[in-house]
Amino acid sequence: MASENHNKDTSMPREQGGICAEGNLHGLYLMFNACEGAEAALPRVLAGLASWLQSSADRNADCAFNGFIAVGANYWDTLYPKQRPAELTPFPQFEADDRQAPSQPVDLFVHLRSDRLDVNHVAASEVCRRLIGLADLVEEVRSFRYLDSRDLTGFVDGTENPVGVNRRAVALVGEEDRPFQNGSYIHTQRYVHNMALWDQQSLKTQEDTIGRTKVENHEYPSDAKAPFAHIKRTNLKHADGSSMEILRQSMPYGNMQEQGLFFISCCNTPAHFTAQLRSMVMGEGGHYDHLLKYTQAVTGAAYFAPSIDFLEGAAGL
């Protein structure tokens, strides 16, 4: 182990595999708040968990298991007081009329996914076992792939996601913040859909609201998109014309009482998510995202998912 640590400065930090993983059939998300005084032991436990998740991915390659651990923006300095990611800030809050993006800070976020429910359950059990006495589970959400990767609204989700090697370029911090290279800024929101109201809308209204056709998943021509269309409000560009991309790892969740989307953004900067959320809620020229007529965010949290090397180094391993 000592020789491994000796070479870390000259080798590429190992990212947590779940950040850039391709889609799965099932997801399981665990949110924890740390117990008082847990910061003395947590760094070592989290480093061990990240390593265990990585080895579990190798053992369960047949069901494409993957996972990652992220630390809340509001808890980061307590856990790792010596270094902080350059752009890590609390979850951005926006509110206009009856639209809002609430913040519900959480200390730890554990993201688990695979193509088998039982494998996810076993992994979650191990995570909870290792955190006994150190962190309390405050929320658990189980998600699933719906049809051909659609949201419960019936529209394909994540169409704009980067593909291939561009996934890592978008999701992972580069050499501009060397101590946190190959980490990722994570934002989560749990949206609750008003499915009864959505289902009452005509197909045309639904398609205009999204900016795509529902069945074929064809994007409207630029001049045909309404200024309130979801993809008009979220497909933003920098001044130089380059896209403000994020890697979405979102999945639907729900039962017969409540349905929605567990939204997850992974990016090399929090600025892209913040700009998209502002555009949705606050709008531009009076035009906000009309999808918010049919869905409401009930949680919102900001995290950073560091590299495995950072977690091990901070724990003295």
Protein backbone atom coordinates (compact mmCIF):
# COMPACT_ATOMS: atom_id res chain seq x y z
CA MET A 1 0.00 0.00 0.00
CA ALA A 2 2.85 2.38 0.81
CA SER A 3 4.38 2.07 -2.66
CA GLU A 4 0.93 2.68 -4.16
CA ASN A 5 0.57 5.94 -2.24
CA HIS A 6 4.09 6.96 -3.25
CA ASN A 7 3.06 6.99 -6.92
CA LYS A 8 -0.23 8.86 -6.52
CA ASP A 9 1.17 12.28 -7.40
CA THR A 10 2.32 11.07 -10.80
CA SER A 11 -0.67 8.87 -11.72
CA MET A 12 -4.20 9.76 -12.71
CA PRO A 13 -6.58 9.80 -9.72
CA ARG A 14 -9.15 6.98 -9.89
CA GLU A 15 -12.68 8.27 -10.24
CA GLN A 16 -15.55 6.48 -8.53
CA GLY A 17 -16.97 4.20 -11.20
CA GLY A 18 -20.64 5.01 -10.75
CA ILE A 19 -20.28 8.64 -11.78
CA CYS A 20 -19.86 7.98 -15.51
CA ALA A 21 -21.50 4.54 -15.66
CA GLU A 22 -24.00 3.77 -18.38
CA GLY A 23 -27.68 3.32 -17.47
CA ASN A 24 -29.07 0.46 -15.39
CA LEU A 25 -32.42 -1.17 -14.68
CA HIS A 26 -32.52 -0.31 -10.95
CA GLY A 27 -31.18 2.44 -8.71
CA LEU A 28 -31.05 2.83 -4.93
CA TYR A 29 -30.15 6.15 -3.32
CA LEU A 30 -29.28 6.58 0.36
CA MET A 31 -29.07 9.96 2.09
CA PHE A 32 -27.40 10.20 5.51
CA ASN A 33 -26.75 12.86 8.12
CA ALA A 34 -23.57 12.34 10.12
CA CYS A 35 -23.71 11.80 13.86
CA GLU A 36 -22.03 14.32 16.14
CA GLY A 37 -18.30 13.70 16.32
CA ALA A 38 -18.33 11.21 13.45
CA GLU A 39 -15.74 13.16 11.50
CA ALA A 40 -12.95 11.45 13.42
CA ALA A 41 -13.81 8.01 12.00
CA LEU A 42 -15.81 8.77 8.84
CA PRO A 43 -12.94 9.53 6.42
CA ARG A 44 -11.50 6.04 6.89
CA VAL A 45 -14.92 4.38 6.63
CA LEU A 46 -15.84 6.30 3.48
CA ALA A 47 -12.52 5.45 1.84
CA GLY A 48 -13.14 1.80 2.64
CA LEU A 49 -16.67 1.98 1.28
CA ALA A 50 -15.56 3.60 -1.98
CA SER A 51 -12.96 0.87 -2.45
CA TRP A 52 -15.54 -1.80 -1.57
CA LEU A 53 -18.01 -0.39 -4.12
CA GLN A 54 -15.31 -0.50 -6.78
CA SER A 55 -14.41 -4.12 -6.03
CA SER A 56 -18.13 -4.98 -5.88
CA ALA A 57 -18.48 -3.62 -9.40
CA ASP A 58 -15.83 -6.11 -10.54
CA ARG A 59 -17.51 -8.99 -8.69
CA ASN A 60 -20.93 -8.10 -10.07
CA ALA A 61 -19.99 -7.16 -13.62
CA ASP A 62 -22.72 -9.48 -14.93
CA CYS A 63 -25.39 -7.08 -13.66
CA ALA A 64 -23.35 -3.89 -14.27
CA PHE A 65 -23.28 -2.89 -10.59
CA ASN A 66 -21.80 0.53 -9.88
CA GLY A 67 -21.87 3.17 -7.18
CA PHE A 68 -20.34 6.28 -5.72
CA ILE A 69 -20.21 8.27 -2.50
CA ALA A 70 -20.60 12.05 -2.36
CA VAL A 71 -20.14 14.47 0.55
CA GLY A 72 -22.58 17.33 1.10
CA ALA A 73 -21.43 20.88 0.44
CA ASN A 74 -22.56 21.96 3.89
CA TYR A 75 -20.68 19.12 5.61
CA TRP A 76 -17.48 19.10 3.55
CA ASP A 77 -15.43 21.43 5.77
CA THR A 78 -16.31 19.43 8.88
CA LEU A 79 -15.14 16.19 7.29
CA TYR A 80 -12.21 17.48 5.21
CA PRO A 81 -11.15 20.83 6.72
CA LYS A 82 -7.77 20.99 4.98
CA GLN A 83 -8.96 21.11 1.34
CA ARG A 84 -12.14 22.09 -0.44
CA PRO A 85 -13.13 21.71 -4.12
CA ALA A 86 -12.72 25.10 -5.81
CA GLU A 87 -16.36 25.58 -6.81
CA LEU A 88 -18.22 23.68 -4.08
CA THR A 89 -21.15 25.74 -2.79
CA PRO A 90 -24.52 24.99 -1.15
CA PHE A 91 -27.47 24.02 -3.31
CA PRO A 92 -28.75 27.05 -5.30
CA GLN A 93 -32.23 28.17 -4.30
CA PHE A 94 -34.65 29.86 -6.71
CA GLU A 95 -38.29 30.83 -6.23
CA ALA A 96 -40.80 32.66 -8.42
CA ASP A 97 -44.60 32.70 -8.08
CA ASP A 98 -45.59 29.11 -7.22
CA ARG A 99 -42.32 27.66 -8.53
CA GLN A 100 -39.45 26.82 -6.23
CA ALA A 101 -36.31 24.74 -6.02
CA PRO A 102 -36.03 23.91 -2.31
CA SER A 103 -32.79 23.01 -0.58
CA GLN A 104 -32.57 20.13 1.87
CA PRO A 105 -28.89 19.74 2.77
CA VAL A 106 -27.70 16.19 3.45
CA ASP A 107 -24.25 15.18 4.68
CA LEU A 108 -23.71 12.02 2.62
CA PHE A 109 -25.19 10.64 -0.60
CA VAL A 110 -24.63 7.04 -1.64
CA HIS A 111 -25.62 6.15 -5.20
CA LEU A 112 -26.08 2.46 -6.05
CA ARG A 113 -27.21 0.99 -9.37
CA SER A 114 -27.31 -2.35 -11.16
CA ASP A 115 -29.58 -4.55 -13.25
CA ARG A 116 -30.61 -6.59 -10.18
CA LEU A 117 -32.72 -5.43 -7.25
CA ASP A 118 -31.16 -7.97 -4.88
CA VAL A 119 -27.60 -6.87 -5.63
CA ASN A 120 -28.55 -3.27 -4.89
CA HIS A 121 -30.20 -4.36 -1.66
CA VAL A 122 -27.14 -6.30 -0.53
CA ALA A 123 -24.89 -3.30 -1.28
CA ALA A 124 -27.21 -0.91 0.57
CA SER A 125 -27.25 -3.23 3.59
CA GLU A 126 -23.45 -3.23 3.68
CA VAL A 127 -23.31 0.57 3.38
CA CYS A 128 -25.75 0.98 6.27
CA ARG A 129 -23.87 -1.59 8.38
CA ARG A 130 -20.57 0.23 7.95
CA LEU A 131 -22.17 3.58 8.89
CA ILE A 132 -23.82 2.37 12.11
CA GLY A 133 -23.05 4.88 14.85
CA LEU A 134 -21.54 7.30 12.35
CA ALA A 135 -24.49 8.45 10.22
CA ASP A 136 -28.28 8.19 10.31
CA LEU A 137 -30.27 7.27 7.21
CA VAL A 138 -32.72 10.13 6.53
CA GLU A 139 -34.07 9.16 3.09
CA GLU A 140 -34.03 6.15 0.79
CA VAL A 141 -35.30 6.18 -2.80
CA ARG A 142 -35.51 3.17 -5.11
CA SER A 143 -35.70 3.90 -8.82
CA PHE A 144 -36.22 1.89 -11.98
CA ARG A 145 -35.83 2.09 -15.73
CA TYR A 146 -39.18 2.87 -17.30
CA LEU A 147 -39.81 1.41 -20.77
CA ASP A 148 -37.03 2.54 -23.16
CA SER A 149 -35.38 4.94 -20.65
CA ARG A 150 -38.39 7.25 -20.40
CA ASP A 151 -39.57 9.48 -17.60
CA LEU A 152 -43.00 8.63 -16.22
CA THR A 153 -44.35 11.51 -18.31
CA GLY A 154 -43.73 9.20 -21.28
CA PHE A 155 -40.84 11.16 -22.80
CA VAL A 156 -37.33 9.78 -23.24
CA ASP A 157 -35.09 11.16 -20.49
CA GLY A 158 -31.43 12.08 -20.89
CA THR A 159 -31.48 12.45 -24.68
CA GLU A 160 -28.97 15.29 -24.45
CA ASN A 161 -26.50 13.30 -22.34
CA PRO A 162 -22.88 13.23 -23.49
CA VAL A 163 -21.78 9.93 -24.99
CA GLY A 164 -18.55 7.94 -25.16
CA VAL A 165 -15.40 9.60 -23.87
CA ASN A 166 -17.26 12.90 -23.62
CA ARG A 167 -19.10 11.55 -20.56
CA ARG A 168 -15.88 11.74 -18.53
CA ALA A 169 -14.94 15.12 -20.01
CA VAL A 170 -18.29 16.59 -18.90
CA ALA A 171 -18.68 14.85 -15.54
CA LEU A 172 -15.15 14.87 -14.09
CA VAL A 173 -13.00 17.72 -12.80
CA GLY A 174 -9.81 18.17 -14.79
CA GLU A 175 -6.32 19.41 -13.98
CA GLU A 176 -7.66 22.91 -13.22
CA ASP A 177 -8.28 21.71 -9.63
CA ARG A 178 -5.58 19.06 -9.27
CA PRO A 179 -6.36 17.86 -5.70
CA PHE A 180 -9.90 17.08 -6.84
CA GLN A 181 -9.16 15.84 -10.35
CA ASN A 182 -11.57 13.09 -11.47
CA GLY A 183 -14.05 14.06 -8.80
CA SER A 184 -17.50 15.38 -9.72
CA TYR A 185 -19.96 18.04 -8.56
CA ILE A 186 -23.24 16.27 -7.81
CA HIS A 187 -26.70 17.83 -7.53
CA THR A 188 -29.82 15.86 -6.68
CA GLN A 189 -33.51 16.74 -6.67
CA ARG A 190 -36.50 14.53 -6.02
CA TYR A 191 -39.39 15.64 -8.23
CA VAL A 192 -42.98 14.59 -7.57
CA HIS A 193 -45.13 14.49 -10.72
CA ASN A 194 -48.80 15.43 -10.82
CA MET A 195 -49.57 12.53 -13.14
CA ALA A 196 -53.34 13.06 -13.01
CA LEU A 197 -52.96 16.62 -14.31
CA TRP A 198 -50.31 15.62 -16.88
CA ASP A 199 -52.45 12.81 -18.27
CA GLN A 200 -55.31 15.25 -18.82
CA GLN A 201 -53.22 17.26 -21.28
CA SER A 202 -53.46 16.71 -25.01
CA LEU A 203 -50.53 15.10 -26.82
CA LYS A 204 -49.82 18.45 -28.49
CA THR A 205 -49.67 20.27 -25.15
CA GLN A 206 -47.35 17.62 -23.73
CA GLU A 207 -45.04 17.75 -26.75
CA ASP A 208 -44.98 21.56 -26.77
CA THR A 209 -44.16 21.52 -23.06
CA ILE A 210 -41.13 19.29 -23.63
CA GLY A 211 -40.06 20.46 -27.10
CA ARG A 212 -39.95 16.91 -28.52
CA THR A 213 -42.33 14.42 -30.04
CA LYS A 214 -43.45 11.85 -27.50
CA VAL A 215 -43.38 8.54 -29.34
CA GLU A 216 -40.57 9.10 -31.87
CA ASN A 217 -38.47 11.35 -29.56
CA HIS A 218 -37.74 13.85 -32.34
CA GLU A 219 -36.63 17.27 -31.19
CA TYR A 220 -38.65 20.20 -32.52
CA PRO A 221 -36.83 22.47 -34.99
CA SER A 222 -35.33 25.45 -33.18
CA ASP A 223 -37.84 27.94 -34.55
CA ALA A 224 -40.75 25.67 -33.57
CA LYS A 225 -39.81 25.40 -29.90
CA ALA A 226 -41.85 27.55 -27.58
CA PRO A 227 -39.75 29.72 -25.22
CA PHE A 228 -41.32 27.84 -22.31
CA ALA A 229 -40.36 24.36 -23.62
CA HIS A 230 -38.33 22.26 -21.21
CA ILE A 231 -35.42 21.67 -23.58
CA LYS A 232 -35.40 25.35 -24.56
CA ARG A 233 -35.00 26.28 -20.90
CA THR A 234 -32.32 23.66 -20.15
CA ASN A 235 -30.22 23.43 -23.33
CA LEU A 236 -28.11 26.49 -22.57
CA LYS A 237 -24.92 27.77 -24.15
CA HIS A 238 -21.89 29.78 -23.08
CA ALA A 239 -21.07 33.10 -24.71
CA ASP A 240 -18.69 31.30 -27.09
CA GLY A 241 -21.51 29.03 -28.29
CA SER A 242 -20.40 25.88 -26.47
CA SER A 243 -23.07 23.90 -24.63
CA MET A 244 -23.45 23.90 -20.85
CA GLU A 245 -23.46 20.13 -20.61
CA ILE A 246 -24.15 17.95 -17.59
CA LEU A 247 -24.23 14.17 -17.26
CA ARG A 248 -27.68 13.18 -16.03
CA GLN A 249 -27.95 9.97 -14.04
CA SER A 250 -31.65 10.51 -13.27
CA MET A 251 -34.19 7.68 -12.97
CA PRO A 252 -37.95 7.46 -12.30
CA TYR A 253 -39.19 6.27 -8.93
CA GLY A 254 -42.56 5.70 -7.35
CA ASN A 255 -45.50 3.53 -6.35
CA MET A 256 -49.25 3.87 -6.78
CA GLN A 257 -49.39 6.76 -4.32
CA GLU A 258 -46.50 8.92 -5.57
CA GLN A 259 -44.52 9.04 -8.79
CA GLY A 260 -41.66 11.19 -9.93
CA LEU A 261 -38.06 11.55 -11.00
CA PHE A 262 -34.93 11.35 -8.89
CA PHE A 263 -32.79 13.86 -10.75
CA ILE A 264 -28.99 13.54 -10.55
CA SER A 265 -26.52 15.88 -12.25
CA CYS A 266 -22.79 15.06 -12.46
CA CYS A 267 -20.49 17.76 -13.81
CA ASN A 268 -16.98 19.18 -13.71
CA THR A 269 -18.49 22.48 -12.52
CA PRO A 270 -21.65 23.35 -10.57
CA ALA A 271 -22.21 26.40 -12.81
CA HIS A 272 -24.03 24.46 -15.54
CA PHE A 273 -26.63 22.94 -13.21
CA THR A 274 -27.15 26.30 -11.47
CA ALA A 275 -27.73 28.06 -14.80
CA GLN A 276 -30.20 25.40 -15.96
CA LEU A 277 -32.16 25.46 -12.71
CA ARG A 278 -32.33 29.26 -12.76
CA SER A 279 -33.56 29.16 -16.36
CA MET A 280 -36.28 26.64 -15.48
CA VAL A 281 -37.62 28.42 -12.38
CA MET A 282 -36.94 32.09 -13.08
CA GLY A 283 -37.18 31.92 -16.85
CA GLU A 284 -36.17 34.55 -19.35
CA GLY A 285 -38.35 37.33 -20.65
CA GLY A 286 -41.20 36.00 -18.52
CA HIS A 287 -40.92 32.48 -19.96
CA TYR A 288 -40.25 29.77 -17.40
CA ASP A 289 -40.19 25.99 -17.89
CA HIS A 290 -43.84 24.89 -18.27
CA LEU A 291 -42.93 21.36 -17.22
CA LEU A 292 -42.97 22.83 -13.70
CA LYS A 293 -46.75 23.08 -14.02
CA TYR A 294 -46.86 19.31 -13.70
CA THR A 295 -43.95 18.46 -11.41
CA GLN A 296 -42.49 19.91 -8.23
CA ALA A 297 -39.06 19.47 -6.68
CA VAL A 298 -39.42 18.55 -3.01
CA THR A 299 -35.70 18.13 -2.19
CA GLY A 300 -32.44 19.60 -3.42
CA ALA A 301 -28.86 18.96 -2.31
CA ALA A 302 -25.33 19.71 -3.52
CA TYR A 303 -22.39 17.34 -3.04
CA PHE A 304 -18.92 16.53 -4.27
CA ALA A 305 -17.88 12.98 -5.15
CA PRO A 306 -14.08 12.91 -4.80
CA SER A 307 -11.71 10.46 -6.42
CA ILE A 308 -10.89 7.21 -4.61
CA ASP A 309 -7.33 8.48 -4.26
CA PHE A 310 -8.49 11.64 -2.47
CA LEU A 311 -10.67 9.62 -0.09
CA GLU A 312 -7.81 7.27 0.72
CA GLY A 313 -5.28 10.10 1.10
CA ALA A 314 -7.57 12.09 3.41
CA ALA A 315 -8.02 8.96 5.53
CA GLY A 316 -4.28 8.39 5.76
CA LEU A 317 -4.43 5.15 3.81
